[in-house]
């Protein structure tokens, strides 16, 4: 996982522990104060939310404890695509159609932010390639070819 991805997970963990968890505990206490819990929808909803929050906290703590955090800036000497690289590509079938992606961990992937998962087909095709190489990617619409224009570590 990249440094930025780890920071986002840490921020979410902090928010869950300091804001969400206390709020749901308060909601459970208020629902309990209403009396009969067997038909109390507020209590059921609060308990369900508490289960989700506790599960997400455990998931994030697990991911952070096992994560190998990589700072792409420290890989600047690389001349090939590796985890953390930002890659400028040109679609061979549509000259002039350029796109930029950063290869990140599964939890950080966000296509709107141009971050692709290391396990995605395009990232797997790019790994180990150099500037000027052409890669073939199996896309839902068929095979796409891209030329690697530039590899950056930012």
Protein backbone atom coordinates (compact mmCIF):
# COMPACT_ATOMS: atom_id res chain seq x y z
CA UNK A 1 0.00 0.00 0.00
CA UNK A 2 1.23 3.51 -0.67
CA UNK A 3 1.89 6.06 2.04
CA UNK A 4 -1.18 8.06 0.96
CA UNK A 5 -3.38 4.94 1.11
CA UNK A 6 -2.14 4.10 4.60
CA UNK A 7 -2.83 7.67 5.75
CA UNK A 8 -6.41 7.49 4.42
CA UNK A 9 -6.99 4.23 6.31
CA UNK A 10 -5.51 5.70 9.50
CA UNK A 11 -7.77 8.76 9.18
CA UNK A 12 -10.83 6.53 8.70
CA UNK A 13 -9.79 4.43 11.70
CA UNK A 14 -9.38 7.54 13.83
CA UNK A 15 -12.83 8.82 12.76
CA UNK A 16 -14.47 5.47 13.48
CA UNK A 17 -12.92 5.25 16.94
CA UNK A 18 -13.33 8.86 18.03
CA UNK A 19 -16.61 9.87 16.36
CA UNK A 20 -18.65 6.94 15.07
CA UNK A 21 -18.13 4.50 17.95
CA UNK A 22 -19.06 6.98 20.72
CA UNK A 23 -22.10 8.15 18.71
CA UNK A 24 -23.44 4.61 18.30
CA UNK A 25 -22.83 3.85 21.99
CA UNK A 26 -24.90 6.92 22.85
CA UNK A 27 -27.64 5.82 20.44
CA UNK A 28 -27.75 2.36 22.04
CA UNK A 29 -28.00 3.89 25.52
CA UNK A 30 -30.84 6.18 24.42
CA UNK A 31 -32.69 3.27 22.79
CA UNK A 32 -32.29 1.17 25.96
CA UNK A 33 -33.78 3.99 27.99
CA UNK A 34 -36.98 3.71 25.95
CA UNK A 35 -37.84 0.41 27.61
CA UNK A 36 -38.75 -2.88 25.89
CA UNK A 37 -35.89 -3.86 23.57
CA UNK A 38 -37.72 -6.69 21.80
CA UNK A 39 -39.65 -4.35 19.50
CA UNK A 40 -37.36 -1.34 19.58
CA UNK A 41 -36.30 -0.48 16.00
CA UNK A 42 -33.90 2.24 17.16
CA UNK A 43 -32.07 -0.26 19.35
CA UNK A 44 -31.87 -2.82 16.55
CA UNK A 45 -30.57 -0.22 14.10
CA UNK A 46 -27.98 1.07 16.56
CA UNK A 47 -26.76 -2.45 17.36
CA UNK A 48 -26.49 -3.22 13.64
CA UNK A 49 -24.51 -0.04 13.06
CA UNK A 50 -22.28 -0.88 16.01
CA UNK A 51 -21.54 -4.28 14.47
CA UNK A 52 -20.63 -2.65 11.18
CA UNK A 53 -18.35 -0.09 12.86
CA UNK A 54 -16.58 -2.69 15.00
CA UNK A 55 -16.12 -4.92 11.94
CA UNK A 56 -14.67 -2.07 9.90
CA UNK A 57 -12.32 -1.10 12.74
CA UNK A 58 -11.04 -4.68 12.95
CA UNK A 59 -10.66 -4.83 9.15
CA UNK A 60 -8.65 -1.60 8.97
CA UNK A 61 -6.45 -2.55 11.94
CA UNK A 62 -5.75 -5.90 10.29
CA UNK A 63 -4.87 -4.31 6.96
CA UNK A 64 -2.58 -1.75 8.55
CA UNK A 65 -0.82 -4.34 10.71
CA UNK A 66 0.02 -6.54 7.71
CA UNK A 67 0.56 -3.80 5.12
CA UNK A 68 3.87 -3.13 3.50
CA UNK A 69 3.85 0.63 3.05
CA UNK A 70 5.78 1.90 0.06
CA UNK A 71 6.63 5.52 -0.71
CA UNK A 72 6.69 5.86 -4.52
CA UNK A 73 9.08 8.85 -4.27
CA UNK A 74 11.76 6.51 -2.92
CA UNK A 75 11.52 4.37 -6.08
CA UNK A 76 12.54 7.23 -8.38
CA UNK A 77 15.57 5.34 -9.71
CA UNK A 78 13.38 2.65 -11.29
CA UNK A 79 13.15 2.61 -15.07
CA UNK A 80 10.28 0.14 -15.24
CA UNK A 81 6.69 0.02 -14.00
CA UNK A 82 6.46 -1.19 -10.41
CA UNK A 83 3.98 -0.76 -7.58
CA UNK A 84 3.44 2.94 -6.90
CA UNK A 85 4.48 4.09 -10.37
CA UNK A 86 2.49 6.73 -12.21
CA UNK A 87 2.34 5.77 -15.88
CA UNK A 88 1.39 7.90 -18.88
CA UNK A 89 -0.12 5.78 -21.65
CA UNK A 90 -1.30 6.36 -25.19
CA UNK A 91 -3.96 4.21 -26.80
CA UNK A 92 -2.33 2.70 -29.91
CA UNK A 93 -5.67 2.30 -31.71
CA UNK A 94 -6.59 5.95 -31.01
CA UNK A 95 -3.42 8.05 -31.41
CA UNK A 96 -3.57 11.12 -29.22
CA UNK A 97 -5.83 9.44 -26.64
CA UNK A 98 -3.68 9.60 -23.52
CA UNK A 99 -4.38 8.50 -19.98
CA UNK A 100 -2.40 8.47 -16.73
CA UNK A 101 -2.70 5.82 -14.01
CA UNK A 102 -0.97 5.16 -10.72
CA UNK A 103 -0.54 1.52 -9.73
CA UNK A 104 -1.72 1.15 -6.12
CA UNK A 105 -2.99 -1.48 -3.69
CA UNK A 106 -6.45 -3.03 -3.92
CA UNK A 107 -7.82 -0.86 -1.09
CA UNK A 108 -6.61 2.36 -2.70
CA UNK A 109 -7.90 1.76 -6.22
CA UNK A 110 -10.21 4.51 -7.48
CA UNK A 111 -10.62 4.81 -11.23
CA UNK A 112 -12.08 8.33 -10.89
CA UNK A 113 -8.80 9.37 -9.27
CA UNK A 114 -6.82 7.41 -11.92
CA UNK A 115 -5.53 4.90 -9.37
CA UNK A 116 -5.64 1.30 -10.55
CA UNK A 117 -5.27 -1.82 -8.46
CA UNK A 118 -2.07 -3.82 -8.77
CA UNK A 119 -4.30 -6.83 -9.47
CA UNK A 120 -6.22 -5.17 -12.33
CA UNK A 121 -5.61 -6.45 -15.88
CA UNK A 122 -4.01 -3.20 -17.03
CA UNK A 123 -1.65 -3.01 -14.03
CA UNK A 124 -0.63 -6.66 -14.46
CA UNK A 125 0.17 -5.93 -18.12
CA UNK A 126 2.22 -2.85 -17.17
CA UNK A 127 4.33 -4.30 -14.35
CA UNK A 128 7.95 -4.74 -15.39
CA UNK A 129 7.59 -2.81 -18.66
CA UNK A 130 9.70 0.19 -19.69
CA UNK A 131 9.04 3.52 -21.41
CA UNK A 132 8.37 2.96 -25.11
CA UNK A 133 7.03 -0.58 -24.58
CA UNK A 134 3.63 -1.52 -25.95
CA UNK A 135 1.33 -3.59 -23.76
CA UNK A 136 -1.79 -5.54 -24.61
CA UNK A 137 -4.66 -5.49 -22.14
CA UNK A 138 -7.71 -7.73 -22.26
CA UNK A 139 -10.60 -5.31 -21.74
CA UNK A 140 -14.34 -6.05 -21.74
CA UNK A 141 -14.50 -4.66 -25.30
CA UNK A 142 -11.57 -6.76 -26.51
CA UNK A 143 -7.81 -6.41 -26.57
CA UNK A 144 -6.49 -2.86 -26.16
CA UNK A 145 -2.92 -1.79 -26.88
CA UNK A 146 -1.17 1.00 -25.02
CA UNK A 147 2.26 2.52 -25.45
CA UNK A 148 4.06 3.56 -22.27
CA UNK A 149 5.02 7.20 -22.74
CA UNK A 150 6.46 7.99 -19.32
CA UNK A 151 6.97 6.39 -15.92
CA UNK A 152 7.06 8.69 -12.90
CA UNK A 153 7.31 8.19 -9.15
CA UNK A 154 5.44 10.97 -7.39
